[in-house]
Amino acid sequence: MVDNTLEEIMIYCTQCGKKNDNDATFCNYCGAQLEKINTHQKSRKLTSMALCVTLLLLIIFAIITTIFHIKGSGIQFDWSSETPNGQSINIVESDKQHDTKDTKK
């Protein structure tokens, strides 16, 4: 059961942003119609939005990290295609690191 005494109902004008009396229907400053906003529900929406943004950023980070890991691991990618005259073209991407041991005899 929700305790409604802890929730504060505040009325702010969506046009001018001024705070009005809780029982006001129209803004005392600009005359615009007022809507009651439950601050607890608004806070919950912001928390949900922050969670979604955080999860999206983590997914993007994981994808980028995976791409860099694959590129740095020396895994080869082989794309083959054939030209209209029947010649085969192979494009191979591989790790460019070389062994730098001294080979003096």
C-alpha atoms as a PDB file:
ATOM      1  CA  MET A   1       0.000   0.000   0.000  1.00  0.00           C
ATOM      2  CA  VAL A   2       1.391   3.413  -0.969  1.00  0.00           C
ATOM      3  CA  ASP A   3       1.512   6.147   1.656  1.00  0.00           C
ATOM      4  CA  ASN A   4       0.113   9.229  -0.102  1.00  0.00           C
ATOM      5  CA  THR A   5       1.160  11.541   2.732  1.00  0.00           C
ATOM      6  CA  LEU A   6       4.801  11.213   1.615  1.00  0.00           C
ATOM      7  CA  GLU A   7       4.030  12.247  -1.964  1.00  0.00           C
ATOM      8  CA  GLU A   8       4.016  15.972  -2.493  1.00  0.00           C
ATOM      9  CA  ILE A   9       1.755  17.369  -5.208  1.00  0.00           C
ATOM     10  CA  MET A  10       3.257  20.513  -6.701  1.00  0.00           C
ATOM     11  CA  ILE A  11       1.802  22.625  -9.445  1.00  0.00           C
ATOM     12  CA  TYR A  12       4.175  24.344 -11.826  1.00  0.00           C
ATOM     13  CA  CYS A  13       3.118  26.234 -14.912  1.00  0.00           C
ATOM     14  CA  THR A  14       4.286  24.538 -18.110  1.00  0.00           C
ATOM     15  CA  GLN A  15       4.343  27.914 -19.867  1.00  0.00           C
ATOM     16  CA  CYS A  16       6.226  30.195 -17.451  1.00  0.00           C
ATOM     17  CA  GLY A  17       7.612  27.672 -14.921  1.00  0.00           C
ATOM     18  CA  LYS A  18       6.267  29.479 -11.841  1.00  0.00           C
ATOM     19  CA  LYS A  19       4.962  27.570  -8.819  1.00  0.00           C
ATOM     20  CA  ASN A  20       1.280  28.008  -8.066  1.00  0.00           C
ATOM     21  CA  ASP A  21      -1.085  27.085  -5.255  1.00  0.00           C
ATOM     22  CA  ASN A  22      -1.909  23.373  -5.098  1.00  0.00           C
ATOM     23  CA  ASP A  23      -5.601  23.997  -5.738  1.00  0.00           C
ATOM     24  CA  ALA A  24      -5.058  26.390  -8.677  1.00  0.00           C
ATOM     25  CA  THR A  25      -6.487  25.463 -12.076  1.00  0.00           C
ATOM     26  CA  PHE A  26      -4.851  28.306 -13.996  1.00  0.00           C
ATOM     27  CA  CYS A  27      -1.460  29.975 -13.549  1.00  0.00           C
ATOM     28  CA  ASN A  28      -1.590  33.091 -11.377  1.00  0.00           C
ATOM     29  CA  TYR A  29       1.199  34.644 -13.478  1.00  0.00           C
ATOM     30  CA  CYS A  30       0.424  33.888 -17.147  1.00  0.00           C
ATOM     31  CA  GLY A  31      -3.089  32.380 -17.070  1.00  0.00           C
ATOM     32  CA  ALA A  32      -2.184  29.032 -18.674  1.00  0.00           C
ATOM     33  CA  GLN A  33      -4.080  25.910 -17.598  1.00  0.00           C
ATOM     34  CA  LEU A  34      -2.164  23.946 -14.949  1.00  0.00           C
ATOM     35  CA  GLU A  35      -1.564  20.200 -14.666  1.00  0.00           C
ATOM     36  CA  LYS A  36      -0.873  18.435 -11.400  1.00  0.00           C
ATOM     37  CA  ILE A  37       2.445  16.569 -11.472  1.00  0.00           C
ATOM     38  CA  ASN A  38       3.146  13.809  -9.006  1.00  0.00           C
ATOM     39  CA  THR A  39       6.842  14.312  -8.155  1.00  0.00           C
ATOM     40  CA  HIS A  40       7.223  10.652  -7.133  1.00  0.00           C
ATOM     41  CA  GLN A  41       6.082   9.424 -10.561  1.00  0.00           C
ATOM     42  CA  LYS A  42       8.274  12.013 -12.299  1.00  0.00           C
ATOM     43  CA  SER A  43      11.284  10.788 -10.293  1.00  0.00           C
ATOM     44  CA  ARG A  44      10.521   7.185 -11.254  1.00  0.00           C
ATOM     45  CA  LYS A  45      10.412   8.149 -14.962  1.00  0.00           C
ATOM     46  CA  LEU A  46      13.798   9.866 -14.684  1.00  0.00           C
ATOM     47  CA  THR A  47      15.270   6.812 -12.959  1.00  0.00           C
ATOM     48  CA  SER A  48      13.939   4.518 -15.695  1.00  0.00           C
ATOM     49  CA  MET A  49      15.335   6.802 -18.392  1.00  0.00           C
ATOM     50  CA  ALA A  50      18.753   6.900 -16.696  1.00  0.00           C
ATOM     51  CA  LEU A  51      18.761   3.104 -16.484  1.00  0.00           C
ATOM     52  CA  CYS A  52      17.933   2.763 -20.196  1.00  0.00           C
ATOM     53  CA  VAL A  53      20.675   5.221 -21.186  1.00  0.00           C
ATOM     54  CA  THR A  54      23.205   3.424 -18.974  1.00  0.00           C
ATOM     55  CA  LEU A  55      22.328   0.030 -20.468  1.00  0.00           C
ATOM     56  CA  LEU A  56      22.576   1.429 -23.998  1.00  0.00           C
ATOM     57  CA  LEU A  57      26.020   2.886 -23.274  1.00  0.00           C
ATOM     58  CA  LEU A  58      27.198  -0.426 -21.782  1.00  0.00           C
ATOM     59  CA  ILE A  59      26.026  -2.319 -24.864  1.00  0.00           C
ATOM     60  CA  ILE A  60      27.823   0.128 -27.173  1.00  0.00           C
ATOM     61  CA  PHE A  61      30.979  -0.161 -25.050  1.00  0.00           C
ATOM     62  CA  ALA A  62      30.808  -3.975 -25.186  1.00  0.00           C
ATOM     63  CA  ILE A  63      30.443  -3.939 -28.971  1.00  0.00           C
ATOM     64  CA  ILE A  64      33.388  -1.559 -29.434  1.00  0.00           C
ATOM     65  CA  THR A  65      35.547  -3.572 -27.018  1.00  0.00           C
ATOM     66  CA  THR A  66      34.714  -6.795 -28.868  1.00  0.00           C
ATOM     67  CA  ILE A  67      35.628  -5.242 -32.225  1.00  0.00           C
ATOM     68  CA  PHE A  68      39.000  -4.035 -30.933  1.00  0.00           C
ATOM     69  CA  HIS A  69      39.679  -7.413 -29.312  1.00  0.00           C
ATOM     70  CA  ILE A  70      38.954  -9.277 -32.549  1.00  0.00           C
ATOM     71  CA  LYS A  71      41.079  -6.886 -34.624  1.00  0.00           C
ATOM     72  CA  GLY A  72      44.010  -7.164 -32.188  1.00  0.00           C
ATOM     73  CA  SER A  73      43.873 -10.941 -31.809  1.00  0.00           C
ATOM     74  CA  GLY A  74      45.147 -11.773 -35.285  1.00  0.00           C
ATOM     75  CA  ILE A  75      41.937 -13.403 -36.451  1.00  0.00           C
ATOM     76  CA  GLN A  76      41.879 -13.437 -40.235  1.00  0.00           C
ATOM     77  CA  PHE A  77      38.933 -12.318 -42.283  1.00  0.00           C
ATOM     78  CA  ASP A  78      38.692 -13.734 -45.802  1.00  0.00           C
ATOM     79  CA  TRP A  79      36.315 -12.151 -48.289  1.00  0.00           C
ATOM     80  CA  SER A  80      36.302 -13.852 -51.661  1.00  0.00           C
ATOM     81  CA  SER A  81      34.516 -12.739 -54.783  1.00  0.00           C
ATOM     82  CA  GLU A  82      34.597 -13.512 -58.446  1.00  0.00           C
ATOM     83  CA  THR A  83      34.878 -10.963 -61.253  1.00  0.00           C
ATOM     84  CA  PRO A  84      32.525 -11.094 -64.261  1.00  0.00           C
ATOM     85  CA  ASN A  85      35.258 -12.738 -66.380  1.00  0.00           C
ATOM     86  CA  GLY A  86      35.687 -15.601 -63.888  1.00  0.00           C
ATOM     87  CA  GLN A  87      38.792 -14.419 -62.016  1.00  0.00           C
ATOM     88  CA  SER A  88      38.814 -14.931 -58.270  1.00  0.00           C
ATOM     89  CA  ILE A  89      39.712 -12.073 -55.930  1.00  0.00           C
ATOM     90  CA  ASN A  90      40.656 -12.845 -52.321  1.00  0.00           C
ATOM     91  CA  ILE A  91      40.961 -10.107 -49.754  1.00  0.00           C
ATOM     92  CA  VAL A  92      42.603 -11.270 -46.552  1.00  0.00           C
ATOM     93  CA  GLU A  93      43.002  -9.121 -43.489  1.00  0.00           C
ATOM     94  CA  SER A  94      45.486 -10.436 -40.963  1.00  0.00           C
ATOM     95  CA  ASP A  95      47.585  -9.375 -38.018  1.00  0.00           C
ATOM     96  CA  LYS A  96      50.508  -7.196 -39.194  1.00  0.00           C
ATOM     97  CA  GLN A  97      52.724  -7.805 -36.145  1.00  0.00           C
ATOM     98  CA  HIS A  98      56.119  -9.320 -36.946  1.00  0.00           C
ATOM     99  CA  ASP A  99      58.566 -11.170 -34.751  1.00  0.00           C
ATOM    100  CA  THR A 100      61.412  -8.751 -33.965  1.00  0.00           C
ATOM    101  CA  LYS A 101      63.990 -11.311 -32.777  1.00  0.00           C
ATOM    102  CA  ASP A 102      67.571 -10.631 -33.803  1.00  0.00           C
ATOM    103  CA  THR A 103      68.562 -13.103 -36.548  1.00  0.00           C
ATOM    104  CA  LYS A 104      72.352 -12.547 -36.470  1.00  0.00           C
ATOM    105  CA  LYS A 105      74.488 -15.621 -37.171  1.00  0.00           C
END
